[in-house]
Amino acid sequence: FSKYPVTFIELGADRCIPCKKMQPIMTEIAEAFAGRVQVVFYDVWKDPAPGEKYGIQLIPTQVFVDRKGKELSRHVGFFPKEEILELLKKLGVQ
């Protein structure tokens, strides 16, 4: 599935306000954890398939999966950077 130990999937839309607030956080996480965490964004208004695949009800939704695609954690709504960092630490990402 992925060469990364953890993939951080953001399911949202580029016109959704809380989703827009997640964009700089996602960029920071991608840079800070380069090679350890893959960050992926799906605009579910433009392409609903990923939203259906992950069974999302609200946006933004963040799904964290392991190398094989197994879901490790899920969060709905704006996800503050500090809480994401805490979660990544719990998931064993240094």
C-alpha atoms as a PDB file:
ATOM      1  CA  PHE A   1       0.000   0.000   0.000  1.00  0.00           C
ATOM      2  CA  SER A   2       2.529   2.625   1.083  1.00  0.00           C
ATOM      3  CA  LYS A   3       6.247   2.899   1.759  1.00  0.00           C
ATOM      4  CA  TYR A   4       5.418   5.223   4.659  1.00  0.00           C
ATOM      5  CA  PRO A   5       4.751   3.829   8.168  1.00  0.00           C
ATOM      6  CA  VAL A   6       1.773   6.216   8.506  1.00  0.00           C
ATOM      7  CA  THR A   7      -0.366   7.951   5.902  1.00  0.00           C
ATOM      8  CA  PHE A   8      -2.363  10.991   7.020  1.00  0.00           C
ATOM      9  CA  ILE A   9      -5.403  11.279   4.754  1.00  0.00           C
ATOM     10  CA  GLU A  10      -7.352  14.527   4.793  1.00  0.00           C
ATOM     11  CA  LEU A  11     -10.825  14.265   3.297  1.00  0.00           C
ATOM     12  CA  GLY A  12     -12.261  17.703   2.743  1.00  0.00           C
ATOM     13  CA  ALA A  13     -12.846  20.347   0.102  1.00  0.00           C
ATOM     14  CA  ASP A  14     -10.861  23.357  -1.023  1.00  0.00           C
ATOM     15  CA  ARG A  15     -13.888  25.628  -0.440  1.00  0.00           C
ATOM     16  CA  CYS A  16     -14.668  24.443   3.092  1.00  0.00           C
ATOM     17  CA  ILE A  17     -13.436  26.896   5.767  1.00  0.00           C
ATOM     18  CA  PRO A  18     -12.193  24.348   8.389  1.00  0.00           C
ATOM     19  CA  CYS A  19     -10.627  22.368   5.511  1.00  0.00           C
ATOM     20  CA  LYS A  20      -8.751  25.498   4.371  1.00  0.00           C
ATOM     21  CA  LYS A  21      -7.474  25.938   7.945  1.00  0.00           C
ATOM     22  CA  MET A  22      -6.086  22.381   7.790  1.00  0.00           C
ATOM     23  CA  GLN A  23      -3.983  23.078   4.667  1.00  0.00           C
ATOM     24  CA  PRO A  24      -1.014  24.835   6.360  1.00  0.00           C
ATOM     25  CA  ILE A  25      -1.024  22.210   9.138  1.00  0.00           C
ATOM     26  CA  MET A  26      -0.898  19.405   6.577  1.00  0.00           C
ATOM     27  CA  THR A  27       2.021  21.130   4.829  1.00  0.00           C
ATOM     28  CA  GLU A  28       3.893  21.508   8.139  1.00  0.00           C
ATOM     29  CA  ILE A  29       3.311  17.838   9.052  1.00  0.00           C
ATOM     30  CA  ALA A  30       4.457  16.715   5.585  1.00  0.00           C
ATOM     31  CA  GLU A  31       7.659  18.762   5.917  1.00  0.00           C
ATOM     32  CA  ALA A  32       8.380  17.889   9.560  1.00  0.00           C
ATOM     33  CA  PHE A  33       7.833  14.156   9.000  1.00  0.00           C
ATOM     34  CA  ALA A  34       9.195  13.814   5.462  1.00  0.00           C
ATOM     35  CA  GLY A  35       9.898  10.156   4.730  1.00  0.00           C
ATOM     36  CA  ARG A  36       7.924   9.005   7.782  1.00  0.00           C
ATOM     37  CA  VAL A  37       4.397  10.317   7.196  1.00  0.00           C
ATOM     38  CA  GLN A  38       2.713  10.652   3.838  1.00  0.00           C
ATOM     39  CA  VAL A  39       0.088  13.418   3.730  1.00  0.00           C
ATOM     40  CA  VAL A  40      -2.721  13.020   1.196  1.00  0.00           C
ATOM     41  CA  PHE A  41      -5.600  15.412   0.508  1.00  0.00           C
ATOM     42  CA  TYR A  42      -8.824  14.437  -1.266  1.00  0.00           C
ATOM     43  CA  ASP A  43     -11.359  17.058  -2.299  1.00  0.00           C
ATOM     44  CA  VAL A  44     -14.550  15.022  -1.844  1.00  0.00           C
ATOM     45  CA  TRP A  45     -16.679  17.685  -3.540  1.00  0.00           C
ATOM     46  CA  LYS A  46     -14.669  17.235  -6.739  1.00  0.00           C
ATOM     47  CA  ASP A  47     -14.243  13.459  -6.347  1.00  0.00           C
ATOM     48  CA  PRO A  48     -16.653  11.749  -3.912  1.00  0.00           C
ATOM     49  CA  ALA A  49     -15.049   8.279  -4.287  1.00  0.00           C
ATOM     50  CA  PRO A  50     -12.435   8.639  -1.473  1.00  0.00           C
ATOM     51  CA  GLY A  51     -15.147   9.922   0.883  1.00  0.00           C
ATOM     52  CA  GLU A  52     -17.274   6.901   0.063  1.00  0.00           C
ATOM     53  CA  LYS A  53     -14.291   4.566   0.472  1.00  0.00           C
ATOM     54  CA  TYR A  54     -13.625   5.888   3.992  1.00  0.00           C
ATOM     55  CA  GLY A  55     -17.319   6.284   4.872  1.00  0.00           C
ATOM     56  CA  ILE A  56     -17.055   9.919   5.878  1.00  0.00           C
ATOM     57  CA  GLN A  57     -20.098  11.855   7.080  1.00  0.00           C
ATOM     58  CA  LEU A  58     -18.602  15.312   7.654  1.00  0.00           C
ATOM     59  CA  ILE A  59     -15.648  17.271   6.351  1.00  0.00           C
ATOM     60  CA  PRO A  60     -12.925  17.655   7.178  1.00  0.00           C
ATOM     61  CA  THR A  61     -12.217  14.118   8.320  1.00  0.00           C
ATOM     62  CA  GLN A  62      -8.678  12.906   8.943  1.00  0.00           C
ATOM     63  CA  VAL A  63      -7.888   9.219   8.644  1.00  0.00           C
ATOM     64  CA  PHE A  64      -4.511   7.777   9.646  1.00  0.00           C
ATOM     65  CA  VAL A  65      -3.609   4.410   8.125  1.00  0.00           C
ATOM     66  CA  ASP A  66      -0.621   2.109   8.385  1.00  0.00           C
ATOM     67  CA  ARG A  67       1.585   0.812   5.591  1.00  0.00           C
ATOM     68  CA  LYS A  68      -1.013  -1.823   4.627  1.00  0.00           C
ATOM     69  CA  GLY A  69      -3.939   0.613   4.629  1.00  0.00           C
ATOM     70  CA  LYS A  70      -5.324  -0.465   8.013  1.00  0.00           C
ATOM     71  CA  GLU A  71      -7.036   2.402   9.807  1.00  0.00           C
ATOM     72  CA  LEU A  72      -5.150   3.454  12.942  1.00  0.00           C
ATOM     73  CA  SER A  73      -7.108   6.543  13.918  1.00  0.00           C
ATOM     74  CA  ARG A  74      -9.835   8.908  12.704  1.00  0.00           C
ATOM     75  CA  HIS A  75     -10.794  12.463  13.601  1.00  0.00           C
ATOM     76  CA  VAL A  76     -13.709  14.595  12.391  1.00  0.00           C
ATOM     77  CA  GLY A  77     -13.500  18.392  12.172  1.00  0.00           C
ATOM     78  CA  PHE A  78     -10.608  20.785  12.485  1.00  0.00           C
ATOM     79  CA  PHE A  79      -7.630  18.937  13.976  1.00  0.00           C
ATOM     80  CA  PRO A  80      -5.137  21.239  15.765  1.00  0.00           C
ATOM     81  CA  LYS A  81      -1.483  20.608  14.931  1.00  0.00           C
ATOM     82  CA  GLU A  82      -0.553  19.916  18.570  1.00  0.00           C
ATOM     83  CA  GLU A  83      -3.143  17.112  18.727  1.00  0.00           C
ATOM     84  CA  ILE A  84      -1.916  15.613  15.455  1.00  0.00           C
ATOM     85  CA  LEU A  85       1.652  15.639  16.798  1.00  0.00           C
ATOM     86  CA  GLU A  86       0.413  13.903  19.961  1.00  0.00           C
ATOM     87  CA  LEU A  87      -1.397  11.275  17.881  1.00  0.00           C
ATOM     88  CA  LEU A  88       1.630  10.643  15.659  1.00  0.00           C
ATOM     89  CA  LYS A  89       3.737  10.130  18.793  1.00  0.00           C
ATOM     90  CA  LYS A  90       1.151   7.585  20.094  1.00  0.00           C
ATOM     91  CA  LEU A  91       1.327   5.847  16.715  1.00  0.00           C
ATOM     92  CA  GLY A  92       5.087   5.531  17.150  1.00  0.00           C
ATOM     93  CA  VAL A  93       6.187   8.156  14.631  1.00  0.00           C
ATOM     94  CA  GLN A  94       9.199  10.058  15.961  1.00  0.00           C
END
